[in-house]
């Protein structure tokens, strides 16, 4: 008796090479998300700047500062991740354009 193959391995996985078009399209999407997250980060910073910190208790002030720092830090980190991905995809697309325009060396 032979063992049946799992269902997940029966479907072939498409292994497609990156193209400049796919890189630029991904960079456009990633750049849009980075810009949206940047705008969100700016809105969060402005909204938090308008709200005063609690002054009755040192503990509550420290917790408020920690929460504000965490919220702004996570938003900034997400913005930076998408911005770096955008830059990387743009550079990869340019590299592929240059590489595809160059004649290939003859095999022999």
Protein backbone atom coordinates (compact mmCIF):
# COMPACT_ATOMS: atom_id res chain seq x y z
CA UNK A 1 0.00 0.00 0.00
CA UNK A 2 1.18 3.48 -0.74
CA UNK A 3 0.64 6.37 1.59
CA UNK A 4 -1.70 9.01 0.18
CA UNK A 5 -0.14 12.42 -0.20
CA UNK A 6 -1.52 15.26 1.88
CA UNK A 7 -3.97 17.56 0.12
CA UNK A 8 -1.72 20.59 0.62
CA UNK A 9 1.14 19.09 -1.39
CA UNK A 10 -1.08 18.07 -4.30
CA UNK A 11 -1.56 21.66 -5.44
CA UNK A 12 1.52 23.13 -7.12
CA UNK A 13 2.86 26.37 -5.73
CA UNK A 14 3.50 28.99 -8.37
CA UNK A 15 7.14 30.09 -8.14
CA UNK A 16 7.12 33.22 -10.25
CA UNK A 17 10.11 35.48 -10.64
CA UNK A 18 9.72 39.15 -9.73
CA UNK A 19 9.12 41.54 -12.59
CA UNK A 20 9.56 45.31 -12.60
CA UNK A 21 5.80 45.75 -13.04
CA UNK A 22 5.03 43.64 -9.96
CA UNK A 23 7.70 45.48 -7.94
CA UNK A 24 6.38 48.92 -8.87
CA UNK A 25 2.78 47.87 -8.25
CA UNK A 26 3.74 46.55 -4.81
CA UNK A 27 5.71 49.72 -4.08
CA UNK A 28 2.68 51.82 -5.03
CA UNK A 29 0.45 49.85 -2.66
CA UNK A 30 3.03 49.86 0.13
CA UNK A 31 3.66 53.56 -0.36
CA UNK A 32 -0.04 54.31 -0.11
CA UNK A 33 -0.24 52.38 3.13
CA UNK A 34 2.87 54.16 4.45
CA UNK A 35 1.34 57.54 3.65
CA UNK A 36 -1.96 56.58 5.29
CA UNK A 37 -0.13 55.37 8.41
CA UNK A 38 1.96 58.55 8.46
CA UNK A 39 -1.21 60.63 8.37
CA UNK A 40 -2.69 58.49 11.13
CA UNK A 41 0.44 58.93 13.23
CA UNK A 42 0.29 62.70 12.82
CA UNK A 43 -3.37 62.71 13.85
CA UNK A 44 -2.61 60.61 16.92
CA UNK A 45 0.25 62.91 17.95
CA UNK A 46 -1.89 66.01 17.56
CA UNK A 47 -4.82 64.47 19.44
CA UNK A 48 -2.60 63.35 22.32
CA UNK A 49 -0.94 66.77 22.50
CA UNK A 50 -4.33 68.40 23.14
CA UNK A 51 -5.20 66.14 26.07
CA UNK A 52 -3.44 67.10 29.32
CA UNK A 53 -1.78 64.50 31.48
CA UNK A 54 -3.39 63.61 34.81
CA UNK A 55 -1.65 65.50 37.60
CA UNK A 56 -3.35 64.11 40.70
CA UNK A 57 -1.20 61.02 40.93
CA UNK A 58 2.35 60.30 39.86
CA UNK A 59 1.44 56.72 39.04
CA UNK A 60 -1.41 57.73 36.74
CA UNK A 61 0.83 60.28 35.01
CA UNK A 62 3.51 57.62 34.45
CA UNK A 63 0.94 55.17 33.05
CA UNK A 64 -0.48 57.86 30.75
CA UNK A 65 2.99 58.69 29.43
CA UNK A 66 3.75 55.00 28.88
CA UNK A 67 0.51 54.44 26.98
CA UNK A 68 1.06 57.51 24.81
CA UNK A 69 4.60 56.43 24.04
CA UNK A 70 3.44 52.92 23.17
CA UNK A 71 0.65 54.11 20.85
CA UNK A 72 2.85 56.61 19.01
CA UNK A 73 5.74 54.13 18.84
CA UNK A 74 3.66 51.33 17.33
CA UNK A 75 2.14 53.68 14.77
CA UNK A 76 5.56 55.07 13.85
CA UNK A 77 7.03 51.58 13.57
CA UNK A 78 4.27 50.47 11.21
CA UNK A 79 4.84 53.57 9.10
CA UNK A 80 8.58 52.90 8.93
CA UNK A 81 8.08 49.25 7.97
CA UNK A 82 5.87 50.14 5.02
CA UNK A 83 8.16 53.01 3.98
CA UNK A 84 11.20 50.70 3.98
CA UNK A 85 9.27 48.06 2.01
CA UNK A 86 8.33 50.74 -0.52
CA UNK A 87 11.94 51.80 -0.92
CA UNK A 88 13.12 48.20 -1.28
CA UNK A 89 10.50 47.38 -3.91
CA UNK A 90 11.34 50.52 -5.89
CA UNK A 91 15.05 49.68 -5.84
CA UNK A 92 14.36 46.06 -6.82
CA UNK A 93 12.19 47.22 -9.72
CA UNK A 94 14.93 49.57 -10.93
CA UNK A 95 17.51 46.80 -10.58
CA UNK A 96 15.35 44.43 -12.62
CA UNK A 97 14.87 47.08 -15.32
CA UNK A 98 18.62 47.60 -15.57
CA UNK A 99 19.35 43.86 -15.46
CA UNK A 100 16.78 43.01 -18.15
CA UNK A 101 18.06 45.77 -20.44
CA UNK A 102 21.62 44.41 -20.40
CA UNK A 103 22.54 41.72 -22.98
CA UNK A 104 23.01 38.25 -21.53
CA UNK A 105 26.47 36.67 -21.76
CA UNK A 106 26.79 33.93 -24.34
CA UNK A 107 26.99 30.39 -23.06
CA UNK A 108 29.57 28.27 -24.60
